[in-house]
C-alpha atoms as a PDB file:
ATOM      1  CA  MET A   1     114.481 132.045 143.374  1.00  0.00           C
ATOM      2  CA  SER A   2     111.046 132.838 141.928  1.00  0.00           C
ATOM      3  CA  VAL A   3     108.497 130.060 141.671  1.00  0.00           C
ATOM      4  CA  ILE A   4     108.249 128.502 138.187  1.00  0.00           C
ATOM      5  CA  THR A   5     104.835 128.730 136.546  1.00  0.00           C
ATOM      6  CA  VAL A   6     103.674 125.621 134.692  1.00  0.00           C
ATOM      7  CA  LEU A   7     100.631 126.056 132.463  1.00  0.00           C
ATOM      8  CA  VAL A   8      98.645 122.909 131.622  1.00  0.00           C
ATOM      9  CA  LEU A   9      96.508 122.875 128.479  1.00  0.00           C
ATOM     10  CA  GLY A  10      93.586 120.539 129.072  1.00  0.00           C
ATOM     11  CA  SER A  11      90.145 119.904 127.688  1.00  0.00           C
ATOM     12  CA  PRO A  12      86.987 121.040 129.511  1.00  0.00           C
ATOM     13  CA  GLY A  13      85.455 118.168 131.460  1.00  0.00           C
ATOM     14  CA  ASP A  14      88.605 116.041 131.451  1.00  0.00           C
ATOM     15  CA  GLU A  15      90.468 115.210 134.633  1.00  0.00           C
ATOM     16  CA  PRO A  16      93.726 117.175 135.122  1.00  0.00           C
ATOM     17  CA  PRO A  17      97.025 115.308 134.868  1.00  0.00           C
ATOM     18  CA  PRO A  18      97.816 113.085 137.851  1.00  0.00           C
ATOM     19  CA  LYS A  19     101.113 113.169 139.752  1.00  0.00           C
ATOM     20  CA  LEU A  20     101.642 116.944 139.485  1.00  0.00           C
ATOM     21  CA  ASP A  21     101.762 117.137 143.283  1.00  0.00           C
ATOM     22  CA  ARG A  22     105.439 116.308 142.761  1.00  0.00           C
ATOM     23  CA  LEU A  23     105.861 119.938 141.717  1.00  0.00           C
ATOM     24  CA  ALA A  24     104.487 121.308 145.017  1.00  0.00           C
ATOM     25  CA  GLY A  25     106.689 124.033 146.468  1.00  0.00           C
ATOM     26  CA  ARG A  26     108.679 124.355 143.259  1.00  0.00           C
ATOM     27  CA  ALA A  27     106.059 125.341 140.710  1.00  0.00           C
ATOM     28  CA  ARG A  28     102.773 127.151 140.484  1.00  0.00           C
ATOM     29  CA  VAL A  29     100.462 125.080 138.277  1.00  0.00           C
ATOM     30  CA  LEU A  30      97.835 126.890 136.224  1.00  0.00           C
ATOM     31  CA  HIS A  31      95.221 125.253 134.038  1.00  0.00           C
ATOM     32  CA  ALA A  32      93.944 126.486 130.694  1.00  0.00           C
ATOM     33  CA  ASP A  33      91.643 125.315 127.962  1.00  0.00           C
ATOM     34  CA  GLU A  34      91.342 126.431 124.344  1.00  0.00           C
ATOM     35  CA  LYS A  35      89.504 129.613 125.345  1.00  0.00           C
ATOM     36  CA  SER A  36      91.871 130.784 128.088  1.00  0.00           C
ATOM     37  CA  LEU A  37      95.241 129.630 126.724  1.00  0.00           C
ATOM     38  CA  ALA A  38      96.147 132.852 124.901  1.00  0.00           C
ATOM     39  CA  GLU A  39      95.443 134.956 127.991  1.00  0.00           C
ATOM     40  CA  LEU A  40      97.540 132.771 130.304  1.00  0.00           C
ATOM     41  CA  LEU A  41     100.519 132.042 128.032  1.00  0.00           C
ATOM     42  CA  PRO A  42     102.524 135.166 128.999  1.00  0.00           C
ATOM     43  CA  ALA A  43     102.531 134.053 132.641  1.00  0.00           C
ATOM     44  CA  ALA A  44     103.960 130.606 131.909  1.00  0.00           C
ATOM     45  CA  ASP A  45     107.561 129.452 132.092  1.00  0.00           C
ATOM     46  CA  ALA A  46     106.641 125.974 130.855  1.00  0.00           C
ATOM     47  CA  LEU A  47     103.629 124.665 128.937  1.00  0.00           C
ATOM     48  CA  LEU A  48     102.355 121.092 129.297  1.00  0.00           C
ATOM     49  CA  VAL A  49     100.113 120.253 126.349  1.00  0.00           C
ATOM     50  CA  TRP A  50      98.041 117.591 128.067  1.00  0.00           C
ATOM     51  CA  ASP A  51      95.248 117.789 125.471  1.00  0.00           C
ATOM     52  CA  PHE A  52      97.510 116.830 122.590  1.00  0.00           C
ATOM     53  CA  THR A  53      94.566 116.666 120.147  1.00  0.00           C
ATOM     54  CA  SER A  54      94.021 120.417 120.483  1.00  0.00           C
ATOM     55  CA  ASP A  55      95.120 123.035 117.969  1.00  0.00           C
ATOM     56  CA  ALA A  56      94.948 125.753 120.629  1.00  0.00           C
ATOM     57  CA  VAL A  57      98.724 126.273 120.757  1.00  0.00           C
ATOM     58  CA  ARG A  58      98.816 126.961 117.034  1.00  0.00           C
ATOM     59  CA  ARG A  59      96.108 129.589 117.409  1.00  0.00           C
ATOM     60  CA  SER A  60      97.266 131.128 120.693  1.00  0.00           C
ATOM     61  CA  TRP A  61     101.052 131.276 120.425  1.00  0.00           C
ATOM     62  CA  PRO A  62     101.255 134.174 117.920  1.00  0.00           C
ATOM     63  CA  GLY A  63     100.813 137.610 119.426  1.00  0.00           C
ATOM     64  CA  PRO A  64     102.374 139.975 121.934  1.00  0.00           C
ATOM     65  CA  GLY A  65     103.795 139.114 125.314  1.00  0.00           C
ATOM     66  CA  ARG A  66     106.210 136.632 126.830  1.00  0.00           C
ATOM     67  CA  ARG A  67     106.056 132.964 125.856  1.00  0.00           C
ATOM     68  CA  PRO A  68     107.134 129.769 127.700  1.00  0.00           C
ATOM     69  CA  GLY A  69     110.699 128.632 127.211  1.00  0.00           C
ATOM     70  CA  TRP A  70     109.736 124.962 127.298  1.00  0.00           C
ATOM     71  CA  VAL A  71     106.750 123.207 125.683  1.00  0.00           C
ATOM     72  CA  HIS A  72     106.096 119.535 126.411  1.00  0.00           C
ATOM     73  CA  THR A  73     103.394 117.555 124.614  1.00  0.00           C
ATOM     74  CA  ALA A  74     101.951 114.387 126.120  1.00  0.00           C
ATOM     75  CA  SER A  75     102.143 112.639 122.757  1.00  0.00           C
ATOM     76  CA  ALA A  76     104.742 111.086 120.505  1.00  0.00           C
ATOM     77  CA  GLY A  77     103.662 113.145 117.496  1.00  0.00           C
ATOM     78  CA  VAL A  78     104.492 116.859 117.422  1.00  0.00           C
ATOM     79  CA  ASP A  79     102.937 117.844 114.091  1.00  0.00           C
ATOM     80  CA  ARG A  80     100.236 119.985 115.730  1.00  0.00           C
ATOM     81  CA  LEU A  81     102.896 122.063 117.505  1.00  0.00           C
ATOM     82  CA  LEU A  82     105.159 122.323 114.482  1.00  0.00           C
ATOM     83  CA  GLY A  83     102.192 123.645 112.521  1.00  0.00           C
ATOM     84  CA  CYS A  84     102.754 126.944 114.371  1.00  0.00           C
ATOM     85  CA  PRO A  85     105.527 128.832 112.516  1.00  0.00           C
ATOM     86  CA  GLU A  86     105.953 131.289 115.384  1.00  0.00           C
ATOM     87  CA  LEU A  87     106.642 128.464 117.840  1.00  0.00           C
ATOM     88  CA  VAL A  88     109.075 126.795 115.451  1.00  0.00           C
ATOM     89  CA  ALA A  89     110.933 130.083 114.967  1.00  0.00           C
ATOM     90  CA  SER A  90     111.059 130.833 118.697  1.00  0.00           C
ATOM     91  CA  LYS A  91     113.744 129.778 121.166  1.00  0.00           C
ATOM     92  CA  ALA A  92     111.255 127.578 123.021  1.00  0.00           C
ATOM     93  CA  VAL A  93     112.392 123.977 123.470  1.00  0.00           C
ATOM     94  CA  ILE A  94     109.839 121.314 122.518  1.00  0.00           C
ATOM     95  CA  THR A  95     109.866 117.865 124.115  1.00  0.00           C
ATOM     96  CA  ASN A  96     107.524 114.926 123.593  1.00  0.00           C
ATOM     97  CA  ALA A  97     106.366 111.670 125.185  1.00  0.00           C
ATOM     98  CA  ARG A  98     108.786 109.451 123.312  1.00  0.00           C
ATOM     99  CA  GLY A  99     109.180 106.126 125.096  1.00  0.00           C
ATOM    100  CA  VAL A 100     105.752 105.888 126.744  1.00  0.00           C
ATOM    101  CA  PHE A 101     103.875 104.378 123.818  1.00  0.00           C
ATOM    102  CA  ASP A 102     106.468 102.130 122.179  1.00  0.00           C
ATOM    103  CA  ARG A 103     105.540  98.769 123.677  1.00  0.00           C
ATOM    104  CA  PRO A 104     101.748  99.314 123.770  1.00  0.00           C
ATOM    105  CA  ILE A 105     101.655 100.312 120.099  1.00  0.00           C
ATOM    106  CA  ALA A 106     103.869  97.368 119.161  1.00  0.00           C
ATOM    107  CA  GLU A 107     101.542  94.970 120.979  1.00  0.00           C
ATOM    108  CA  TYR A 108      98.495  96.545 119.363  1.00  0.00           C
ATOM    109  CA  THR A 109     100.063  96.323 115.904  1.00  0.00           C
ATOM    110  CA  ALA A 110     100.952  92.679 116.438  1.00  0.00           C
ATOM    111  CA  GLY A 111      97.349  92.103 117.508  1.00  0.00           C
ATOM    112  CA  LEU A 112      96.078  93.675 114.283  1.00  0.00           C
ATOM    113  CA  VAL A 113      98.447  91.567 112.192  1.00  0.00           C
ATOM    114  CA  LEU A 114      97.358  88.406 114.015  1.00  0.00           C
ATOM    115  CA  ALA A 115      93.679  89.347 113.688  1.00  0.00           C
ATOM    116  CA  MET A 116      94.013  89.696 109.914  1.00  0.00           C
ATOM    117  CA  ALA A 117      96.221  86.615 109.486  1.00  0.00           C
ATOM    118  CA  LYS A 118      93.861  84.432 111.526  1.00  0.00           C
ATOM    119  CA  ASP A 119      90.650  86.102 110.271  1.00  0.00           C
ATOM    120  CA  PHE A 120      89.317  86.920 113.723  1.00  0.00           C
ATOM    121  CA  PRO A 121      86.802  89.404 112.249  1.00  0.00           C
ATOM    122  CA  GLY A 122      85.444  86.607 110.076  1.00  0.00           C
ATOM    123  CA  SER A 123      85.138  84.278 113.065  1.00  0.00           C
ATOM    124  CA  TRP A 124      83.253  86.902 115.095  1.00  0.00           C
ATOM    125  CA  LYS A 125      80.921  87.569 112.168  1.00  0.00           C
ATOM    126  CA  LEU A 126      80.186  83.862 111.693  1.00  0.00           C
ATOM    127  CA  GLN A 127      79.671  83.436 115.439  1.00  0.00           C
ATOM    128  CA  ASN A 128      77.057  86.218 115.430  1.00  0.00           C
ATOM    129  CA  GLU A 129      75.367  84.441 112.534  1.00  0.00           C
ATOM    130  CA  ARG A 130      75.619  81.058 114.370  1.00  0.00           C
ATOM    131  CA  ARG A 131      77.358  79.573 111.345  1.00  0.00           C
ATOM    132  CA  TRP A 132      79.995  76.828 111.590  1.00  0.00           C
ATOM    133  CA  ARG A 133      82.363  77.311 108.650  1.00  0.00           C
ATOM    134  CA  HIS A 134      85.872  75.912 108.716  1.00  0.00           C
ATOM    135  CA  ARG A 135      88.598  78.016 107.052  1.00  0.00           C
ATOM    136  CA  GLU A 136      92.334  77.974 106.604  1.00  0.00           C
ATOM    137  CA  THR A 137      94.354  80.951 107.819  1.00  0.00           C
ATOM    138  CA  ILE A 138      97.788  82.447 107.250  1.00  0.00           C
ATOM    139  CA  ARG A 139     100.869  81.218 109.057  1.00  0.00           C
ATOM    140  CA  LEU A 140     102.758  84.332 110.169  1.00  0.00           C
ATOM    141  CA  ALA A 141     106.192  82.726 110.450  1.00  0.00           C
ATOM    142  CA  GLY A 142     108.070  83.297 107.217  1.00  0.00           C
ATOM    143  CA  THR A 143     105.925  86.181 105.983  1.00  0.00           C
ATOM    144  CA  HIS A 144     107.597  89.490 105.173  1.00  0.00           C
ATOM    145  CA  ALA A 145     106.867  92.882 106.731  1.00  0.00           C
ATOM    146  CA  ILE A 146     108.022  96.393 105.881  1.00  0.00           C
ATOM    147  CA  VAL A 147     107.866  98.761 108.874  1.00  0.00           C
ATOM    148  CA  VAL A 148     108.075 102.420 107.874  1.00  0.00           C
ATOM    149  CA  GLY A 149     109.505 104.491 110.709  1.00  0.00           C
ATOM    150  CA  SER A 150     112.798 103.677 112.412  1.00  0.00           C
ATOM    151  CA  GLY A 151     112.139 105.547 115.658  1.00  0.00           C
ATOM    152  CA  PRO A 152     111.476 103.741 118.939  1.00  0.00           C
ATOM    153  CA  ILE A 153     107.869 102.855 118.034  1.00  0.00           C
ATOM    154  CA  GLY A 154     108.790 101.426 114.625  1.00  0.00           C
ATOM    155  CA  ARG A 155     111.717  99.540 116.103  1.00  0.00           C
ATOM    156  CA  GLU A 156     109.568  97.995 118.844  1.00  0.00           C
ATOM    157  CA  ILE A 157     106.955  96.990 116.267  1.00  0.00           C
ATOM    158  CA  GLY A 158     109.693  95.374 114.205  1.00  0.00           C
ATOM    159  CA  ARG A 159     111.131  93.475 117.177  1.00  0.00           C
ATOM    160  CA  THR A 160     107.673  92.223 118.159  1.00  0.00           C
ATOM    161  CA  LEU A 161     106.975  90.949 114.649  1.00  0.00           C
ATOM    162  CA  LEU A 162     110.400  89.304 114.564  1.00  0.00           C
ATOM    163  CA  ALA A 163     109.427  87.404 117.722  1.00  0.00           C
ATOM    164  CA  LEU A 164     106.417  86.043 115.805  1.00  0.00           C
ATOM    165  CA  GLY A 165     108.689  84.707 113.072  1.00  0.00           C
ATOM    166  CA  VAL A 166     108.000  87.490 110.589  1.00  0.00           C
ATOM    167  CA  GLU A 167     110.890  88.667 108.428  1.00  0.00           C
ATOM    168  CA  VAL A 168     111.140  92.424 109.007  1.00  0.00           C
ATOM    169  CA  GLU A 169     112.769  95.236 107.073  1.00  0.00           C
ATOM    170  CA  LEU A 170     112.835  98.707 108.605  1.00  0.00           C
ATOM    171  CA  VAL A 171     112.625 101.942 106.616  1.00  0.00           C
ATOM    172  CA  GLY A 172     113.858 105.238 108.060  1.00  0.00           C
ATOM    173  CA  ARG A 173     114.631 108.731 106.874  1.00  0.00           C
ATOM    174  CA  ARG A 174     118.207 107.708 106.224  1.00  0.00           C
ATOM    175  CA  GLY A 175     119.698 104.302 105.544  1.00  0.00           C
ATOM    176  CA  ARG A 176     122.440 102.752 107.613  1.00  0.00           C
ATOM    177  CA  ALA A 177     124.156  99.409 107.924  1.00  0.00           C
ATOM    178  CA  GLY A 178     125.085  97.387 110.975  1.00  0.00           C
ATOM    179  CA  ASP A 179     121.806  97.698 112.861  1.00  0.00           C
ATOM    180  CA  PRO A 180     121.815  95.283 115.836  1.00  0.00           C
ATOM    181  CA  ASP A 181     118.181  94.193 115.360  1.00  0.00           C
ATOM    182  CA  PHE A 182     117.505  94.437 111.635  1.00  0.00           C
ATOM    183  CA  GLY A 183     120.914  94.275 109.979  1.00  0.00           C
ATOM    184  CA  ARG A 184     120.301  97.458 108.052  1.00  0.00           C
ATOM    185  CA  ILE A 185     117.875 100.359 107.918  1.00  0.00           C
ATOM    186  CA  HIS A 186     116.633 101.231 104.442  1.00  0.00           C
ATOM    187  CA  PRO A 187     116.356 104.902 103.418  1.00  0.00           C
ATOM    188  CA  SER A 188     112.908 106.266 102.649  1.00  0.00           C
ATOM    189  CA  ALA A 189     113.858 106.558  98.980  1.00  0.00           C
ATOM    190  CA  ALA A 190     114.048 102.750  98.827  1.00  0.00           C
ATOM    191  CA  LEU A 191     110.452 102.197  99.961  1.00  0.00           C
ATOM    192  CA  GLY A 192     108.985 101.951  96.470  1.00  0.00           C
ATOM    193  CA  GLY A 193     111.321  99.115  95.592  1.00  0.00           C
ATOM    194  CA  LEU A 194     110.599  97.246  98.830  1.00  0.00           C
ATOM    195  CA  LEU A 195     106.801  97.342  98.689  1.00  0.00           C
ATOM    196  CA  PRO A 196     106.310  94.580  96.067  1.00  0.00           C
ATOM    197  CA  SER A 197     107.893  91.986  98.372  1.00  0.00           C
ATOM    198  CA  ALA A 198     105.853  92.755 101.494  1.00  0.00           C
ATOM    199  CA  ASP A 199     102.996  90.706 102.927  1.00  0.00           C
ATOM    200  CA  TRP A 200     102.557  93.378 105.614  1.00  0.00           C
ATOM    201  CA  VAL A 201     103.237  97.104 105.412  1.00  0.00           C
ATOM    202  CA  VAL A 202     103.136  98.989 108.715  1.00  0.00           C
ATOM    203  CA  CYS A 203     103.338 102.779 108.915  1.00  0.00           C
ATOM    204  CA  ALA A 204     104.735 104.164 112.183  1.00  0.00           C
ATOM    205  CA  ALA A 205     106.544 107.203 110.798  1.00  0.00           C
ATOM    206  CA  PRO A 206     106.475 110.752 112.159  1.00  0.00           C
ATOM    207  CA  LEU A 207     104.324 113.164 110.170  1.00  0.00           C
ATOM    208  CA  THR A 208     106.515 115.533 108.170  1.00  0.00           C
ATOM    209  CA  PRO A 209     106.088 117.231 104.787  1.00  0.00           C
ATOM    210  CA  GLU A 210     107.989 114.306 103.254  1.00  0.00           C
ATOM    211  CA  THR A 211     105.761 111.616 104.787  1.00  0.00           C
ATOM    212  CA  THR A 212     102.402 113.341 104.251  1.00  0.00           C
ATOM    213  CA  GLY A 213     100.350 111.339 101.743  1.00  0.00           C
ATOM    214  CA  MET A 214     103.144 108.800 101.256  1.00  0.00           C
ATOM    215  CA  PHE A 215     100.654 105.937 101.026  1.00  0.00           C
ATOM    216  CA  ASP A 216      98.648 106.839  97.957  1.00  0.00           C
ATOM    217  CA  ALA A 217      97.378 105.057  94.844  1.00  0.00           C
ATOM    218  CA  ALA A 218     100.918 104.723  93.502  1.00  0.00           C
ATOM    219  CA  ALA A 219     102.190 103.121  96.715  1.00  0.00           C
ATOM    220  CA  PHE A 220      99.242 100.737  96.993  1.00  0.00           C
ATOM    221  CA  SER A 221      99.673  99.727  93.339  1.00  0.00           C
ATOM    222  CA  ARG A 222     103.263  98.677  94.106  1.00  0.00           C
ATOM    223  CA  MET A 223     102.180  96.291  96.847  1.00  0.00           C
ATOM    224  CA  LYS A 224     101.748  92.720  95.775  1.00  0.00           C
ATOM    225  CA  PRO A 225      98.169  91.414  95.451  1.00  0.00           C
ATOM    226  CA  GLY A 226      96.948  90.123  98.794  1.00  0.00           C
ATOM    227  CA  ALA A 227      99.194  92.343 100.926  1.00  0.00           C
ATOM    228  CA  ARG A 228      97.826  93.988 104.069  1.00  0.00           C
ATOM    229  CA  PHE A 229      98.409  97.506 105.416  1.00  0.00           C
ATOM    230  CA  VAL A 230      98.444  98.919 108.967  1.00  0.00           C
ATOM    231  CA  ASN A 231      98.694 102.605 109.946  1.00  0.00           C
ATOM    232  CA  VAL A 232      99.490 103.544 113.553  1.00  0.00           C
ATOM    233  CA  GLY A 233     101.372 106.696 112.563  1.00  0.00           C
ATOM    234  CA  ARG A 234      99.229 109.659 111.559  1.00  0.00           C
ATOM    235  CA  GLY A 235      96.094 109.828 109.451  1.00  0.00           C
ATOM    236  CA  ALA A 236      97.690 112.213 106.962  1.00  0.00           C
ATOM    237  CA  HIS A 237     100.207 109.543 105.973  1.00  0.00           C
ATOM    238  CA  VAL A 238      97.441 107.887 103.949  1.00  0.00           C
ATOM    239  CA  VAL A 239      95.317 109.112 101.068  1.00  0.00           C
ATOM    240  CA  GLN A 240      92.178 107.504 102.443  1.00  0.00           C
ATOM    241  CA  ASP A 241      90.218 107.421  99.168  1.00  0.00           C
ATOM    242  CA  ASP A 242      93.121 105.598  97.535  1.00  0.00           C
ATOM    243  CA  LEU A 243      93.139 103.026 100.330  1.00  0.00           C
ATOM    244  CA  VAL A 244      89.394 102.462  99.955  1.00  0.00           C
ATOM    245  CA  ALA A 245      89.904 101.932  96.206  1.00  0.00           C
ATOM    246  CA  ALA A 246      92.759  99.476  96.782  1.00  0.00           C
ATOM    247  CA  LEU A 247      90.594  97.421  99.151  1.00  0.00           C
ATOM    248  CA  ALA A 248      87.528  97.584  96.913  1.00  0.00           C
ATOM    249  CA  SER A 249      89.516  96.393  93.896  1.00  0.00           C
ATOM    250  CA  GLY A 250      90.951  93.466  95.838  1.00  0.00           C
ATOM    251  CA  ARG A 251      94.516  94.711  95.383  1.00  0.00           C
ATOM    252  CA  LEU A 252      94.878  94.715  99.172  1.00  0.00           C
ATOM    253  CA  ALA A 253      93.493  91.789 101.139  1.00  0.00           C
ATOM    254  CA  GLY A 254      92.994  93.872 104.266  1.00  0.00           C
ATOM    255  CA  ALA A 255      93.982  96.962 106.213  1.00  0.00           C
ATOM    256  CA  ALA A 256      93.771  98.397 109.715  1.00  0.00           C
ATOM    257  CA  LEU A 257      93.694 102.078 110.626  1.00  0.00           C
ATOM    258  CA  ASP A 258      94.088 103.474 114.133  1.00  0.00           C
ATOM    259  CA  VAL A 259      94.595 107.072 112.941  1.00  0.00           C
ATOM    260  CA  PHE A 260      92.627 109.193 110.506  1.00  0.00           C
ATOM    261  CA  ALA A 261      92.779 112.475 108.621  1.00  0.00           C
ATOM    262  CA  GLU A 262      89.767 113.642 110.625  1.00  0.00           C
ATOM    263  CA  GLU A 263      89.278 112.527 114.217  1.00  0.00           C
ATOM    264  CA  PRO A 264      86.809 111.509 115.514  1.00  0.00           C
ATOM    265  CA  LEU A 265      85.959 109.677 112.300  1.00  0.00           C
ATOM    266  CA  PRO A 266      82.617 111.104 111.060  1.00  0.00           C
ATOM    267  CA  PRO A 267      79.664 108.684 111.143  1.00  0.00           C
ATOM    268  CA  ASP A 268      79.156 109.132 107.393  1.00  0.00           C
ATOM    269  CA  SER A 269      82.765 108.262 106.493  1.00  0.00           C
ATOM    270  CA  PRO A 270      82.975 105.436 103.910  1.00  0.00           C
ATOM    271  CA  LEU A 271      85.786 103.913 105.977  1.00  0.00           C
ATOM    272  CA  TRP A 272      83.279 102.459 108.447  1.00  0.00           C
ATOM    273  CA  ASP A 273      81.814 100.218 105.755  1.00  0.00           C
ATOM    274  CA  THR A 274      84.904  99.461 103.670  1.00  0.00           C
ATOM    275  CA  PRO A 275      85.250  95.676 103.295  1.00  0.00           C
ATOM    276  CA  GLY A 276      88.444  94.295 104.801  1.00  0.00           C
ATOM    277  CA  LEU A 277      89.178  97.389 106.897  1.00  0.00           C
ATOM    278  CA  LEU A 278      89.567  97.349 110.693  1.00  0.00           C
ATOM    279  CA  VAL A 279      88.839 100.741 112.292  1.00  0.00           C
ATOM    280  CA  SER A 280      89.915 101.719 115.816  1.00  0.00           C
ATOM    281  CA  PRO A 281      89.697 105.166 117.473  1.00  0.00           C
ATOM    282  CA  HIS A 282      93.368 106.200 117.884  1.00  0.00           C
ATOM    283  CA  MET A 283      93.844 103.923 120.891  1.00  0.00           C
ATOM    284  CA  SER A 284      96.849 101.771 119.986  1.00  0.00           C
ATOM    285  CA  GLY A 285      99.100 103.334 122.638  1.00  0.00           C
ATOM    286  CA  ASP A 286      96.537 103.803 125.390  1.00  0.00           C
ATOM    287  CA  THR A 287      96.855 101.093 128.015  1.00  0.00           C
ATOM    288  CA  LEU A 288      95.737 101.147 131.639  1.00  0.00           C
ATOM    289  CA  GLY A 289      97.888 103.635 133.546  1.00  0.00           C
ATOM    290  CA  TRP A 290      99.095 105.533 130.481  1.00  0.00           C
ATOM    291  CA  ARG A 291      98.115 108.924 131.910  1.00  0.00           C
ATOM    292  CA  ASP A 292     100.191 108.250 135.036  1.00  0.00           C
ATOM    293  CA  ALA A 293     103.166 107.330 132.850  1.00  0.00           C
ATOM    294  CA  LEU A 294     102.795 110.522 130.811  1.00  0.00           C
ATOM    295  CA  ALA A 295     102.583 112.712 133.917  1.00  0.00           C
ATOM    296  CA  GLU A 296     105.565 111.008 135.565  1.00  0.00           C
ATOM    297  CA  GLN A 297     107.613 111.513 132.426  1.00  0.00           C
ATOM    298  CA  PHE A 298     106.800 115.236 132.446  1.00  0.00           C
ATOM    299  CA  CYS A 299     107.697 115.526 136.132  1.00  0.00           C
ATOM    300  CA  ASP A 300     111.012 113.736 135.547  1.00  0.00           C
ATOM    301  CA  ASN A 301     111.840 116.174 132.772  1.00  0.00           C
ATOM    302  CA  PHE A 302     110.722 119.100 134.961  1.00  0.00           C
ATOM    303  CA  ASP A 303     113.254 118.014 137.579  1.00  0.00           C
ATOM    304  CA  ARG A 304     115.970 118.251 134.948  1.00  0.00           C
ATOM    305  CA  TRP A 305     114.717 121.588 133.637  1.00  0.00           C
ATOM    306  CA  ALA A 306     114.497 123.152 137.083  1.00  0.00           C
ATOM    307  CA  ALA A 307     118.039 121.978 137.836  1.00  0.00           C
ATOM    308  CA  GLY A 308     119.379 123.426 134.586  1.00  0.00           C
ATOM    309  CA  GLU A 309     120.177 119.981 133.186  1.00  0.00           C
ATOM    310  CA  PRO A 310     119.622 118.933 129.545  1.00  0.00           C
ATOM    311  CA  LEU A 311     116.083 117.774 128.810  1.00  0.00           C
ATOM    312  CA  PHE A 312     115.178 114.368 127.454  1.00  0.00           C
ATOM    313  CA  ASN A 313     113.213 113.960 124.216  1.00  0.00           C
ATOM    314  CA  VAL A 314     114.115 117.311 122.692  1.00  0.00           C
ATOM    315  CA  VAL A 315     112.417 117.622 119.301  1.00  0.00           C
ATOM    316  CA  ASP A 316     114.416 118.843 116.326  1.00  0.00           C
ATOM    317  CA  LYS A 317     111.995 121.460 114.994  1.00  0.00           C
ATOM    318  CA  GLN A 318     113.318 121.118 111.463  1.00  0.00           C
ATOM    319  CA  LEU A 319     113.273 117.325 111.302  1.00  0.00           C
ATOM    320  CA  GLY A 320     109.942 117.053 113.129  1.00  0.00           C
ATOM    321  CA  TYR A 321     110.944 114.357 115.603  1.00  0.00           C
ATOM    322  CA  VAL A 322     113.415 113.489 118.371  1.00  0.00           C
ATOM    323  CA  PRO A 323     116.854 112.485 117.064  1.00  0.00           C
ATOM    324  CA  ASP A 324     118.311 109.461 118.836  1.00  0.00           C
ATOM    325  CA  ARG A 325     120.941 111.571 120.563  1.00  0.00           C
ATOM    326  CA  SER A 326     118.235 113.456 122.514  1.00  0.00           C
ATOM    327  CA  ALA A 327     116.445 110.415 123.911  1.00  0.00           C
ATOM    328  CA  PRO A 328     117.019 108.943 127.376  1.00  0.00           C
END
């Protein structure tokens, strides 16, 4: 049997993925960056997109020559890959890192909700000013949250908020009854009618044509005065100027963004100075050891692929995410 060639797309200066020594004797591992990817693609049986912020696959995949039969991205989101029509139309199987980030993102989201409810930013500001000013804060128990995204990340966020006493309703692409955690899942078409009741709105949806720009001026106007918004999905879910306007007008009492339309966020972006907005640099899922977990997940899936077994986390290229039936 010929040795399988695994091509790893990385970023210059970054350390290569750990744990790939597990492939020794079974795979030849090549490394590419944005400049060399197109040249090396025809030699690859499998492509590991380690630098998941890169658009190199979109630019390099079209063209002559053989292409990998399996593409794995070390991220939950696959929108950068699905932005390549030639890849979508090909027979290549796409898998993602579903399952690695669920709990970390849920913890981070709960931290953001707690920070806004208890006004931690205000306390830190007053501490820096050496001012002693007593305030009253929000009791989380009994408040109402809408979590948009019924995949594993959205579900884990919902379960974590439930543990804090928050009443949670989950919104997915399709509605269904009898959910063991939330009673029912609301269809995306019902979101507009749910927004007026929410104290917290959390976006954890996959980025698809249907979810792009879903949080715009119309959506923010439906939220009740004093509601707060969190986005840990994708930056393109939000019309950022409309969010700034909703905060400036006082319609929203606060918001937190971990993802942005342009990353890194430019220094001159008005988001840095928007009152009531918490900004973090796309780090909600990145805990100590996360790179090891990503590499181990790829190696586990490689074992299955090399043995001719079905892969975990196979992305439906038309839906834009992993259906439940394809998850481990």
